[in-house]
Amino acid sequence: MKCRAKREMKNTQQITMKNGRPATQGVCPVCGTKMFKIGKS
């Protein structure tokens, strides 16, 4: 179950989506769910 709270990600990595846009993927430090943020950061 996702906690859906806005938190800082841990184990972040910069990725590029299929359409070429940048994104950041990481893990929630509390529940361990995958988190995803579109855009450069």
N, C-alpha and C. Protein backbone atom coordinates (compact mmCIF):
# COMPACT_ATOMS: atom_id res chain seq x y z
N MET A 1 0.85 -1.19 0.00
CA MET A 1 0.00 0.00 0.00
C MET A 1 0.88 1.24 0.00
N LYS A 2 0.59 2.17 -0.87
CA LYS A 2 1.36 3.40 -0.93
C LYS A 2 0.89 4.37 0.14
N CYS A 3 1.84 5.09 0.74
CA CYS A 3 1.46 6.09 1.74
C CYS A 3 1.03 7.40 1.08
N ARG A 4 1.48 7.65 -0.17
CA ARG A 4 1.10 8.82 -0.97
C ARG A 4 1.46 10.17 -0.34
N ALA A 5 2.39 10.18 0.58
CA ALA A 5 2.84 11.45 1.17
C ALA A 5 4.00 11.99 0.35
N LYS A 6 4.13 13.32 0.32
CA LYS A 6 5.25 13.93 -0.40
C LYS A 6 6.45 13.94 0.51
N ARG A 7 7.47 13.16 0.14
CA ARG A 7 8.68 13.05 0.93
C ARG A 7 9.88 13.12 0.02
N GLU A 8 11.06 13.28 0.63
CA GLU A 8 12.30 13.19 -0.12
C GLU A 8 12.53 11.73 -0.50
N MET A 9 12.98 11.50 -1.72
CA MET A 9 13.26 10.14 -2.16
C MET A 9 14.65 9.72 -1.68
N LYS A 10 14.84 8.43 -1.54
CA LYS A 10 16.19 7.94 -1.32
C LYS A 10 16.53 6.99 -2.47
N ASN A 11 17.80 6.72 -2.68
CA ASN A 11 18.29 5.91 -3.80
C ASN A 11 17.81 6.49 -5.13
N THR A 12 17.94 7.81 -5.28
CA THR A 12 17.46 8.45 -6.51
C THR A 12 18.39 8.17 -7.68
N GLN A 13 17.79 8.13 -8.86
CA GLN A 13 18.57 8.01 -10.08
C GLN A 13 17.88 8.79 -11.19
N GLN A 14 18.68 9.49 -11.98
CA GLN A 14 18.16 10.26 -13.10
C GLN A 14 17.94 9.31 -14.27
N ILE A 15 16.74 9.34 -14.83
CA ILE A 15 16.43 8.49 -15.98
C ILE A 15 15.84 9.34 -17.09
N THR A 16 15.72 8.76 -18.27
CA THR A 16 15.08 9.41 -19.41
C THR A 16 13.91 8.53 -19.83
N MET A 17 12.74 9.15 -19.93
CA MET A 17 11.55 8.40 -20.32
C MET A 17 11.60 8.09 -21.81
N LYS A 18 10.67 7.24 -22.28
CA LYS A 18 10.63 6.85 -23.69
C LYS A 18 10.51 8.03 -24.62
N ASN A 19 9.81 9.07 -24.20
CA ASN A 19 9.62 10.24 -25.07
C ASN A 19 10.79 11.22 -24.98
N GLY A 20 11.82 10.90 -24.21
CA GLY A 20 13.01 11.73 -24.14
C GLY A 20 13.03 12.73 -22.99
N ARG A 21 11.97 12.82 -22.22
CA ARG A 21 11.93 13.77 -21.11
C ARG A 21 12.68 13.21 -19.91
N PRO A 22 13.33 14.09 -19.14
CA PRO A 22 14.05 13.62 -17.96
C PRO A 22 13.10 13.35 -16.80
N ALA A 23 13.49 12.45 -15.93
CA ALA A 23 12.69 12.12 -14.75
C ALA A 23 13.61 11.61 -13.65
N THR A 24 13.09 11.58 -12.43
CA THR A 24 13.83 11.07 -11.29
C THR A 24 13.04 9.93 -10.69
N GLN A 25 13.72 8.82 -10.43
CA GLN A 25 13.08 7.65 -9.85
C GLN A 25 13.79 7.33 -8.55
N GLY A 26 13.01 6.97 -7.52
CA GLY A 26 13.59 6.65 -6.23
C GLY A 26 12.66 5.78 -5.41
N VAL A 27 12.94 5.73 -4.10
CA VAL A 27 12.18 4.88 -3.19
C VAL A 27 11.75 5.72 -1.99
N CYS A 28 10.54 5.50 -1.50
CA CYS A 28 10.05 6.18 -0.31
C CYS A 28 10.80 5.66 0.91
N PRO A 29 11.36 6.54 1.75
CA PRO A 29 12.13 6.08 2.91
C PRO A 29 11.27 5.44 3.99
N VAL A 30 9.96 5.68 3.98
CA VAL A 30 9.09 5.14 5.03
C VAL A 30 8.49 3.80 4.64
N CYS A 31 7.82 3.75 3.47
CA CYS A 31 7.11 2.53 3.10
C CYS A 31 7.83 1.69 2.05
N GLY A 32 8.88 2.23 1.41
CA GLY A 32 9.64 1.46 0.44
C GLY A 32 9.01 1.39 -0.95
N THR A 33 7.98 2.18 -1.20
CA THR A 33 7.32 2.20 -2.50
C THR A 33 8.14 2.98 -3.51
N LYS A 34 8.07 2.59 -4.79
CA LYS A 34 8.75 3.32 -5.84
C LYS A 34 8.12 4.69 -6.00
N MET A 35 8.95 5.73 -6.11
CA MET A 35 8.48 7.09 -6.34
C MET A 35 9.03 7.58 -7.67
N PHE A 36 8.30 8.49 -8.31
CA PHE A 36 8.66 8.94 -9.65
C PHE A 36 8.33 10.41 -9.75
N LYS A 37 9.28 11.22 -10.24
CA LYS A 37 9.02 12.64 -10.43
C LYS A 37 9.47 13.02 -11.84
N ILE A 38 8.54 13.58 -12.60
CA ILE A 38 8.83 13.98 -13.97
C ILE A 38 9.45 15.38 -13.96
N GLY A 39 10.46 15.57 -14.78
CA GLY A 39 11.12 16.87 -14.88
C GLY A 39 12.52 16.82 -14.30
N LYS A 40 13.30 17.79 -14.67
CA LYS A 40 14.69 17.84 -14.21
C LYS A 40 14.74 18.30 -12.77
N SER A 41 15.53 17.62 -11.95
CA SER A 41 15.67 18.04 -10.55
C SER A 41 17.02 17.68 -10.01
